[in-house]
Every structure is written in C-alpha cells, then in structure tokens.
Amino acid sequence: MKRAIYLEAIKQQTGLTKKAIDQVIDCYFTILTTTLKTNQKASITNFGTFTLKPTKPFTYFSPVDGSTLSTLGINKIYFSSSKALLKKVAR
C-alpha cells in the first residue's frame, strides 16, 4: 500500500487531517530511526522488534581490473514479529 492510502484510512477512522497524520507518522519514524541508531533495538508492543546488526568488513576480487576491494561492512535491519501480530494475521 502507498502512504496516501494509509493516510486516507487513518483520516476516516480518526477524523484528523491528512497533514496532521503525516506529521505524526514522520515524527514516529524519526524517533524509531534515532532509537535504532543509539540502542540498536526498537520494540513496538504487540507488533514486533527491529534490530540493527552490523555486518563484518570483507574483501572481494574485482574481475574488471584484477584488484582486491574491501568494504567497511554495512548495518542491516532485522524484524522479528510478536506472537500477537502472528495471531492476528494467521489464516
């Protein structure tokens, strides 16, 4: 689903304006991102947990020029759903 569809659905259920809803969503994602950066873990009750895990640096061979390149590693975000969410979406 696109963001506009979510905004419309929330507007119908709450009666708030799309602009206010959009600001709340942006603020929430900013807080979630900041929490992941600092704590490397963000948990949402009855939804799940986001975990930030860094990967190890590695080297690989470039067949284009025959040199060896190295990476610094990256941060990956993993999501683990809660049992309550799994029950809600179970068939």
PDB file of N, CA and C in Angstrom:
ATOM      1  N   MET A   1       0.839  -1.192   0.000  1.00  0.00           N
ATOM      2  CA  MET A   1       0.000   0.000   0.000  1.00  0.00           C
ATOM      3  C   MET A   1       0.881   1.253   0.000  1.00  0.00           C
ATOM      4  N   LYS A   2       0.361   2.273  -0.602  1.00  0.00           N
ATOM      5  CA  LYS A   2       1.076   3.539  -0.635  1.00  0.00           C
ATOM      6  C   LYS A   2       0.712   4.374   0.587  1.00  0.00           C
ATOM      7  N   ARG A   3       1.562   5.343   0.872  1.00  0.00           N
ATOM      8  CA  ARG A   3       1.365   6.201   2.039  1.00  0.00           C
ATOM      9  C   ARG A   3       0.020   6.933   1.980  1.00  0.00           C
ATOM     10  N   ALA A   4      -0.390   7.377   0.811  1.00  0.00           N
ATOM     11  CA  ALA A   4      -1.654   8.113   0.675  1.00  0.00           C
ATOM     12  C   ALA A   4      -2.847   7.253   1.078  1.00  0.00           C
ATOM     13  N   ILE A   5      -2.786   5.980   0.791  1.00  0.00           N
ATOM     14  CA  ILE A   5      -3.878   5.076   1.167  1.00  0.00           C
ATOM     15  C   ILE A   5      -3.945   4.939   2.685  1.00  0.00           C
ATOM     16  N   TYR A   6      -2.778   4.823   3.330  1.00  0.00           N
ATOM     17  CA  TYR A   6      -2.744   4.759   4.793  1.00  0.00           C
ATOM     18  C   TYR A   6      -3.293   6.045   5.401  1.00  0.00           C
ATOM     19  N   LEU A   7      -2.882   7.187   4.851  1.00  0.00           N
ATOM     20  CA  LEU A   7      -3.358   8.467   5.374  1.00  0.00           C
ATOM     21  C   LEU A   7      -4.877   8.580   5.269  1.00  0.00           C
ATOM     22  N   GLU A   8      -5.431   8.155   4.149  1.00  0.00           N
ATOM     23  CA  GLU A   8      -6.882   8.216   3.959  1.00  0.00           C
ATOM     24  C   GLU A   8      -7.611   7.297   4.937  1.00  0.00           C
ATOM     25  N   ALA A   9      -7.072   6.090   5.152  1.00  0.00           N
ATOM     26  CA  ALA A   9      -7.699   5.143   6.078  1.00  0.00           C
ATOM     27  C   ALA A   9      -7.682   5.678   7.513  1.00  0.00           C
ATOM     28  N   ILE A  10      -6.571   6.263   7.919  1.00  0.00           N
ATOM     29  CA  ILE A  10      -6.466   6.826   9.272  1.00  0.00           C
ATOM     30  C   ILE A  10      -7.380   8.035   9.402  1.00  0.00           C
ATOM     31  N   LYS A  11      -7.475   8.839   8.346  1.00  0.00           N
ATOM     32  CA  LYS A  11      -8.354  10.015   8.370  1.00  0.00           C
ATOM     33  C   LYS A  11      -9.805   9.604   8.576  1.00  0.00           C
ATOM     34  N   GLN A  12     -10.241   8.559   7.894  1.00  0.00           N
ATOM     35  CA  GLN A  12     -11.618   8.096   8.027  1.00  0.00           C
ATOM     36  C   GLN A  12     -11.908   7.565   9.425  1.00  0.00           C
ATOM     37  N   GLN A  13     -10.925   6.926  10.051  1.00  0.00           N
ATOM     38  CA  GLN A  13     -11.148   6.344  11.373  1.00  0.00           C
ATOM     39  C   GLN A  13     -11.032   7.356  12.505  1.00  0.00           C
ATOM     40  N   THR A  14     -10.183   8.392  12.323  1.00  0.00           N
ATOM     41  CA  THR A  14      -9.940   9.325  13.420  1.00  0.00           C
ATOM     42  C   THR A  14     -10.557  10.705  13.211  1.00  0.00           C
ATOM     43  N   GLY A  15     -10.755  11.095  11.958  1.00  0.00           N
ATOM     44  CA  GLY A  15     -11.280  12.425  11.693  1.00  0.00           C
ATOM     45  C   GLY A  15     -10.210  13.505  11.683  1.00  0.00           C
ATOM     46  N   LEU A  16      -8.953  13.134  11.811  1.00  0.00           N
ATOM     47  CA  LEU A  16      -7.856  14.100  11.760  1.00  0.00           C
ATOM     48  C   LEU A  16      -7.554  14.455  10.315  1.00  0.00           C
ATOM     49  N   THR A  17      -6.837  15.566  10.125  1.00  0.00           N
ATOM     50  CA  THR A  17      -6.455  15.965   8.774  1.00  0.00           C
ATOM     51  C   THR A  17      -5.272  15.121   8.289  1.00  0.00           C
ATOM     52  N   LYS A  18      -5.155  15.000   6.983  1.00  0.00           N
ATOM     53  CA  LYS A  18      -4.048  14.222   6.419  1.00  0.00           C
ATOM     54  C   LYS A  18      -2.701  14.849   6.767  1.00  0.00           C
ATOM     55  N   LYS A  19      -2.653  16.182   6.819  1.00  0.00           N
ATOM     56  CA  LYS A  19      -1.409  16.877   7.143  1.00  0.00           C
ATOM     57  C   LYS A  19      -0.960  16.542   8.564  1.00  0.00           C
ATOM     58  N   ALA A  20      -1.882  16.530   9.502  1.00  0.00           N
ATOM     59  CA  ALA A  20      -1.540  16.207  10.893  1.00  0.00           C
ATOM     60  C   ALA A  20      -1.104  14.753  11.015  1.00  0.00           C
ATOM     61  N   ILE A  21      -1.793  13.871  10.331  1.00  0.00           N
ATOM     62  CA  ILE A  21      -1.443  12.449  10.373  1.00  0.00           C
ATOM     63  C   ILE A  21      -0.062  12.236   9.777  1.00  0.00           C
ATOM     64  N   ASP A  22       0.225  12.913   8.663  1.00  0.00           N
ATOM     65  CA  ASP A  22       1.522  12.798   8.006  1.00  0.00           C
ATOM     66  C   ASP A  22       2.649  13.280   8.916  1.00  0.00           C
ATOM     67  N   GLN A  23       2.420  14.366   9.658  1.00  0.00           N
ATOM     68  CA  GLN A  23       3.421  14.879  10.586  1.00  0.00           C
ATOM     69  C   GLN A  23       3.684  13.890  11.713  1.00  0.00           C
ATOM     70  N   VAL A  24       2.637  13.268  12.217  1.00  0.00           N
ATOM     71  CA  VAL A  24       2.785  12.283  13.293  1.00  0.00           C
ATOM     72  C   VAL A  24       3.574  11.075  12.798  1.00  0.00           C
ATOM     73  N   ILE A  25       3.263  10.606  11.602  1.00  0.00           N
ATOM     74  CA  ILE A  25       3.969   9.449  11.045  1.00  0.00           C
ATOM     75  C   ILE A  25       5.442   9.778  10.824  1.00  0.00           C
ATOM     76  N   ASP A  26       5.744  10.956  10.272  1.00  0.00           N
ATOM     77  CA  ASP A  26       7.136  11.367  10.068  1.00  0.00           C
ATOM     78  C   ASP A  26       7.886  11.447  11.389  1.00  0.00           C
ATOM     79  N   CYS A  27       7.249  12.025  12.399  1.00  0.00           N
ATOM     80  CA  CYS A  27       7.868  12.137  13.724  1.00  0.00           C
ATOM     81  C   CYS A  27       8.130  10.757  14.317  1.00  0.00           C
ATOM     82  N   TYR A  28       7.169   9.845  14.159  1.00  0.00           N
ATOM     83  CA  TYR A  28       7.317   8.496  14.697  1.00  0.00           C
ATOM     84  C   TYR A  28       8.490   7.769  14.051  1.00  0.00           C
ATOM     85  N   PHE A  29       8.604   7.859  12.728  1.00  0.00           N
ATOM     86  CA  PHE A  29       9.707   7.185  12.045  1.00  0.00           C
ATOM     87  C   PHE A  29      11.054   7.815  12.376  1.00  0.00           C
ATOM     88  N   THR A  30      11.076   9.121  12.627  1.00  0.00           N
ATOM     89  CA  THR A  30      12.313   9.776  13.051  1.00  0.00           C
ATOM     90  C   THR A  30      12.747   9.254  14.419  1.00  0.00           C
ATOM     91  N   ILE A  31      11.809   9.129  15.328  1.00  0.00           N
ATOM     92  CA  ILE A  31      12.118   8.600  16.660  1.00  0.00           C
ATOM     93  C   ILE A  31      12.554   7.149  16.571  1.00  0.00           C
ATOM     94  N   LEU A  32      11.892   6.355  15.744  1.00  0.00           N
ATOM     95  CA  LEU A  32      12.254   4.945  15.556  1.00  0.00           C
ATOM     96  C   LEU A  32      13.668   4.819  14.995  1.00  0.00           C
ATOM     97  N   THR A  33      14.006   5.639  14.010  1.00  0.00           N
ATOM     98  CA  THR A  33      15.343   5.617  13.411  1.00  0.00           C
ATOM     99  C   THR A  33      16.408   6.018  14.428  1.00  0.00           C
ATOM    100  N   THR A  34      16.139   7.053  15.198  1.00  0.00           N
ATOM    101  CA  THR A  34      17.088   7.501  16.213  1.00  0.00           C
ATOM    102  C   THR A  34      17.296   6.426  17.275  1.00  0.00           C
ATOM    103  N   THR A  35      16.230   5.769  17.671  1.00  0.00           N
ATOM    104  CA  THR A  35      16.329   4.693  18.654  1.00  0.00           C
ATOM    105  C   THR A  35      17.165   3.539  18.114  1.00  0.00           C
ATOM    106  N   LEU A  36      16.964   3.192  16.846  1.00  0.00           N
ATOM    107  CA  LEU A  36      17.760   2.116  16.242  1.00  0.00           C
ATOM    108  C   LEU A  36      19.240   2.492  16.196  1.00  0.00           C
ATOM    109  N   LYS A  37      19.542   3.746  15.878  1.00  0.00           N
ATOM    110  CA  LYS A  37      20.940   4.185  15.809  1.00  0.00           C
ATOM    111  C   LYS A  37      21.619   4.128  17.171  1.00  0.00           C
ATOM    112  N   THR A  38      20.917   4.533  18.220  1.00  0.00           N
ATOM    113  CA  THR A  38      21.536   4.609  19.539  1.00  0.00           C
ATOM    114  C   THR A  38      21.498   3.288  20.291  1.00  0.00           C
ATOM    115  N   ASN A  39      20.349   2.635  20.316  1.00  0.00           N
ATOM    116  CA  ASN A  39      20.197   1.404  21.100  1.00  0.00           C
ATOM    117  C   ASN A  39      20.387   0.137  20.288  1.00  0.00           C
ATOM    118  N   GLN A  40      20.320   0.254  18.971  1.00  0.00           N
ATOM    119  CA  GLN A  40      20.381  -0.866  18.035  1.00  0.00           C
ATOM    120  C   GLN A  40      19.211  -1.833  18.212  1.00  0.00           C
ATOM    121  N   LYS A  41      18.151  -1.371  18.882  1.00  0.00           N
ATOM    122  CA  LYS A  41      16.961  -2.191  19.059  1.00  0.00           C
ATOM    123  C   LYS A  41      15.769  -1.283  19.347  1.00  0.00           C
ATOM    124  N   ALA A  42      14.656  -1.522  18.648  1.00  0.00           N
ATOM    125  CA  ALA A  42      13.432  -0.761  18.884  1.00  0.00           C
ATOM    126  C   ALA A  42      12.271  -1.735  18.905  1.00  0.00           C
ATOM    127  N   SER A  43      11.506  -1.699  19.978  1.00  0.00           N
ATOM    128  CA  SER A  43      10.407  -2.631  20.146  1.00  0.00           C
ATOM    129  C   SER A  43       9.076  -1.889  20.139  1.00  0.00           C
ATOM    130  N   ILE A  44       8.104  -2.452  19.424  1.00  0.00           N
ATOM    131  CA  ILE A  44       6.755  -1.906  19.376  1.00  0.00           C
ATOM    132  C   ILE A  44       5.835  -2.975  19.960  1.00  0.00           C
ATOM    133  N   THR A  45       5.170  -2.656  21.047  1.00  0.00           N
ATOM    134  CA  THR A  45       4.328  -3.611  21.745  1.00  0.00           C
ATOM    135  C   THR A  45       3.256  -4.170  20.823  1.00  0.00           C
ATOM    136  N   ASN A  46       3.063  -5.476  20.872  1.00  0.00           N
ATOM    137  CA  ASN A  46       2.089  -6.217  20.069  1.00  0.00           C
ATOM    138  C   ASN A  46       2.317  -6.112  18.556  1.00  0.00           C
ATOM    139  N   PHE A  47       3.503  -5.685  18.147  1.00  0.00           N
ATOM    140  CA  PHE A  47       3.833  -5.625  16.721  1.00  0.00           C
ATOM    141  C   PHE A  47       5.118  -6.383  16.434  1.00  0.00           C
ATOM    142  N   GLY A  48       6.216  -5.970  17.070  1.00  0.00           N
ATOM    143  CA  GLY A  48       7.473  -6.663  16.848  1.00  0.00           C
ATOM    144  C   GLY A  48       8.668  -5.832  17.271  1.00  0.00           C
ATOM    145  N   THR A  49       9.850  -6.349  16.939  1.00  0.00           N
ATOM    146  CA  THR A  49      11.100  -5.715  17.326  1.00  0.00           C
ATOM    147  C   THR A  49      11.986  -5.533  16.108  1.00  0.00           C
ATOM    148  N   PHE A  50      12.526  -4.331  15.955  1.00  0.00           N
ATOM    149  CA  PHE A  50      13.506  -4.038  14.920  1.00  0.00           C
ATOM    150  C   PHE A  50      14.881  -4.068  15.561  1.00  0.00           C
ATOM    151  N   THR A  51      15.825  -4.769  14.938  1.00  0.00           N
ATOM    152  CA  THR A  51      17.172  -4.887  15.477  1.00  0.00           C
ATOM    153  C   THR A  51      18.168  -4.475  14.402  1.00  0.00           C
ATOM    154  N   LEU A  52      19.147  -3.675  14.776  1.00  0.00           N
ATOM    155  CA  LEU A  52      20.190  -3.226  13.871  1.00  0.00           C
ATOM    156  C   LEU A  52      21.437  -4.063  14.121  1.00  0.00           C
ATOM    157  N   LYS A  53      21.916  -4.750  13.087  1.00  0.00           N
ATOM    158  CA  LYS A  53      23.099  -5.592  13.223  1.00  0.00           C
ATOM    159  C   LYS A  53      24.117  -5.198  12.159  1.00  0.00           C
ATOM    160  N   PRO A  54      25.324  -4.844  12.586  1.00  0.00           N
ATOM    161  CA  PRO A  54      26.363  -4.516  11.601  1.00  0.00           C
ATOM    162  C   PRO A  54      26.960  -5.791  10.993  1.00  0.00           C
ATOM    163  N   THR A  55      27.305  -5.722   9.715  1.00  0.00           N
ATOM    164  CA  THR A  55      27.970  -6.848   9.076  1.00  0.00           C
ATOM    165  C   THR A  55      29.481  -6.640   9.157  1.00  0.00           C
ATOM    166  N   LYS A  56      30.220  -7.718   9.031  1.00  0.00           N
ATOM    167  CA  LYS A  56      31.670  -7.644   9.104  1.00  0.00           C
ATOM    168  C   LYS A  56      32.239  -7.074   7.801  1.00  0.00           C
ATOM    169  N   PRO A  57      33.333  -6.343   7.904  1.00  0.00           N
ATOM    170  CA  PRO A  57      34.006  -5.908   6.676  1.00  0.00           C
ATOM    171  C   PRO A  57      34.572  -7.126   5.939  1.00  0.00           C
ATOM    172  N   PHE A  58      34.554  -7.072   4.624  1.00  0.00           N
ATOM    173  CA  PHE A  58      35.103  -8.187   3.859  1.00  0.00           C
ATOM    174  C   PHE A  58      35.800  -7.666   2.605  1.00  0.00           C
ATOM    175  N   THR A  59      36.609  -8.506   2.005  1.00  0.00           N
ATOM    176  CA  THR A  59      37.295  -8.162   0.771  1.00  0.00           C
ATOM    177  C   THR A  59      36.810  -9.092  -0.336  1.00  0.00           C
ATOM    178  N   TYR A  60      36.850  -8.598  -1.550  1.00  0.00           N
ATOM    179  CA  TYR A  60      36.461  -9.415  -2.692  1.00  0.00           C
ATOM    180  C   TYR A  60      37.309  -9.023  -3.901  1.00  0.00           C
ATOM    181  N   PHE A  61      37.340  -9.896  -4.862  1.00  0.00           N
ATOM    182  CA  PHE A  61      38.142  -9.721  -6.068  1.00  0.00           C
ATOM    183  C   PHE A  61      37.303  -9.076  -7.158  1.00  0.00           C
ATOM    184  N   SER A  62      37.842  -8.044  -7.790  1.00  0.00           N
ATOM    185  CA  SER A  62      37.156  -7.381  -8.890  1.00  0.00           C
ATOM    186  C   SER A  62      37.673  -7.934 -10.212  1.00  0.00           C
ATOM    187  N   PRO A  63      36.843  -8.629 -10.968  1.00  0.00           N
ATOM    188  CA  PRO A  63      37.310  -9.196 -12.239  1.00  0.00           C
ATOM    189  C   PRO A  63      37.538  -8.135 -13.320  1.00  0.00           C
ATOM    190  N   VAL A  64      37.018  -6.925 -13.121  1.00  0.00           N
ATOM    191  CA  VAL A  64      37.149  -5.874 -14.122  1.00  0.00           C
ATOM    192  C   VAL A  64      38.603  -5.425 -14.254  1.00  0.00           C
ATOM    193  N   ASP A  65      39.213  -5.093 -13.111  1.00  0.00           N
ATOM    194  CA  ASP A  65      40.590  -4.609 -13.165  1.00  0.00           C
ATOM    195  C   ASP A  65      41.579  -5.519 -12.435  1.00  0.00           C
ATOM    196  N   GLY A  66      41.115  -6.606 -11.880  1.00  0.00           N
ATOM    197  CA  GLY A  66      42.011  -7.567 -11.231  1.00  0.00           C
ATOM    198  C   GLY A  66      42.488  -7.156  -9.852  1.00  0.00           C
ATOM    199  N   SER A  67      41.876  -6.154  -9.258  1.00  0.00           N
ATOM    200  CA  SER A  67      42.302  -5.708  -7.935  1.00  0.00           C
ATOM    201  C   SER A  67      41.423  -6.313  -6.843  1.00  0.00           C
ATOM    202  N   THR A  68      41.884  -6.186  -5.627  1.00  0.00           N
ATOM    203  CA  THR A  68      41.129  -6.636  -4.467  1.00  0.00           C
ATOM    204  C   THR A  68      40.500  -5.413  -3.811  1.00  0.00           C
ATOM    205  N   LEU A  69      39.203  -5.465  -3.602  1.00  0.00           N
ATOM    206  CA  LEU A  69      38.474  -4.358  -2.991  1.00  0.00           C
ATOM    207  C   LEU A  69      38.009  -4.761  -1.601  1.00  0.00           C
ATOM    208  N   SER A  70      37.945  -3.802  -0.708  1.00  0.00           N
ATOM    209  CA  SER A  70      37.468  -4.103   0.638  1.00  0.00           C
ATOM    210  C   SER A  70      36.292  -3.197   0.978  1.00  0.00           C
ATOM    211  N   THR A  71      35.386  -3.725   1.782  1.00  0.00           N
ATOM    212  CA  THR A  71      34.222  -2.964   2.215  1.00  0.00           C
ATOM    213  C   THR A  71      34.347  -2.665   3.703  1.00  0.00           C
ATOM    214  N   LEU A  72      33.600  -1.696   4.161  1.00  0.00           N
ATOM    215  CA  LEU A  72      33.592  -1.354   5.575  1.00  0.00           C
ATOM    216  C   LEU A  72      32.537  -2.140   6.343  1.00  0.00           C
ATOM    217  N   GLY A  73      31.683  -2.852   5.630  1.00  0.00           N
ATOM    218  CA  GLY A  73      30.548  -3.508   6.266  1.00  0.00           C
ATOM    219  C   GLY A  73      29.382  -2.541   6.291  1.00  0.00           C
ATOM    220  N   ILE A  74      28.199  -3.073   6.443  1.00  0.00           N
ATOM    221  CA  ILE A  74      27.004  -2.235   6.484  1.00  0.00           C
ATOM    222  C   ILE A  74      26.155  -2.614   7.688  1.00  0.00           C
ATOM    223  N   ASN A  75      25.180  -1.789   7.979  1.00  0.00           N
ATOM    224  CA  ASN A  75      24.210  -2.091   9.028  1.00  0.00           C
ATOM    225  C   ASN A  75      22.951  -2.639   8.372  1.00  0.00           C
ATOM    226  N   LYS A  76      22.465  -3.748   8.878  1.00  0.00           N
ATOM    227  CA  LYS A  76      21.231  -4.343   8.373  1.00  0.00           C
ATOM    228  C   LYS A  76      20.168  -4.276   9.457  1.00  0.00           C
ATOM    229  N   ILE A  77      18.930  -4.076   9.039  1.00  0.00           N
ATOM    230  CA  ILE A  77      17.821  -4.025   9.981  1.00  0.00           C
ATOM    231  C   ILE A  77      17.042  -5.323   9.855  1.00  0.00           C
ATOM    232  N   TYR A  78      16.856  -5.995  10.976  1.00  0.00           N
ATOM    233  CA  TYR A  78      16.093  -7.229  11.035  1.00  0.00           C
ATOM    234  C   TYR A  78      14.811  -6.980  11.810  1.00  0.00           C
ATOM    235  N   PHE A  79      13.743  -7.652  11.408  1.00  0.00           N
ATOM    236  CA  PHE A  79      12.454  -7.517  12.083  1.00  0.00           C
ATOM    237  C   PHE A  79      12.014  -8.865  12.599  1.00  0.00           C
ATOM    238  N   SER A  80      11.598  -8.890  13.851  1.00  0.00           N
ATOM    239  CA  SER A  80      11.065 -10.094  14.474  1.00  0.00           C
ATOM    240  C   SER A  80       9.648  -9.770  14.945  1.00  0.00           C
ATOM    241  N   SER A  81       8.665 -10.445  14.388  1.00  0.00           N
ATOM    242  CA  SER A  81       7.279 -10.130  14.726  1.00  0.00           C
ATOM    243  C   SER A  81       6.897 -10.722  16.081  1.00  0.00           C
ATOM    244  N   SER A  82       5.942 -10.083  16.732  1.00  0.00           N
ATOM    245  CA  SER A  82       5.470 -10.564  18.026  1.00  0.00           C
ATOM    246  C   SER A  82       4.454 -11.681  17.824  1.00  0.00           C
ATOM    247  N   LYS A  83       4.199 -12.434  18.869  1.00  0.00           N
ATOM    248  CA  LYS A  83       3.214 -13.513  18.802  1.00  0.00           C
ATOM    249  C   LYS A  83       1.814 -12.959  18.560  1.00  0.00           C
ATOM    250  N   ALA A  84       1.533 -11.791  19.133  1.00  0.00           N
ATOM    251  CA  ALA A  84       0.212 -11.175  18.959  1.00  0.00           C
ATOM    252  C   ALA A  84      -0.025 -10.804  17.489  1.00  0.00           C
ATOM    253  N   LEU A  85       0.999 -10.293  16.802  1.00  0.00           N
ATOM    254  CA  LEU A  85       0.865  -9.954  15.391  1.00  0.00           C
ATOM    255  C   LEU A  85       0.670 -11.223  14.555  1.00  0.00           C
ATOM    256  N   LEU A  86       1.409 -12.248  14.872  1.00  0.00           N
ATOM    257  CA  LEU A  86       1.276 -13.509  14.137  1.00  0.00           C
ATOM    258  C   LEU A  86      -0.127 -14.093  14.277  1.00  0.00           C
ATOM    259  N   LYS A  87      -0.715 -13.983  15.465  1.00  0.00           N
ATOM    260  CA  LYS A  87      -2.091 -14.482  15.663  1.00  0.00           C
ATOM    261  C   LYS A  87      -3.099 -13.679  14.859  1.00  0.00           C
ATOM    262  N   LYS A  88      -2.866 -12.361  14.742  1.00  0.00           N
ATOM    263  CA  LYS A  88      -3.800 -11.500  14.014  1.00  0.00           C
ATOM    264  C   LYS A  88      -3.780 -11.777  12.516  1.00  0.00           C
ATOM    265  N   VAL A  89      -2.624 -12.128  11.974  1.00  0.00           N
ATOM    266  CA  VAL A  89      -2.533 -12.328  10.516  1.00  0.00           C
ATOM    267  C   VAL A  89      -2.602 -13.804  10.120  1.00  0.00           C
ATOM    268  N   ALA A  90      -2.715 -14.689  11.099  1.00  0.00           N
ATOM    269  CA  ALA A  90      -2.811 -16.122  10.802  1.00  0.00           C
ATOM    270  C   ALA A  90      -4.128 -16.406  10.098  1.00  0.00           C
ATOM    271  N   ARG A  91      -4.093 -17.367   9.229  1.00  0.00           N
ATOM    272  CA  ARG A  91      -5.300 -17.718   8.463  1.00  0.00           C
ATOM    273  C   ARG A  91      -6.187 -18.633   9.243  1.00  0.00           C
TER     274      ARG A  91
END
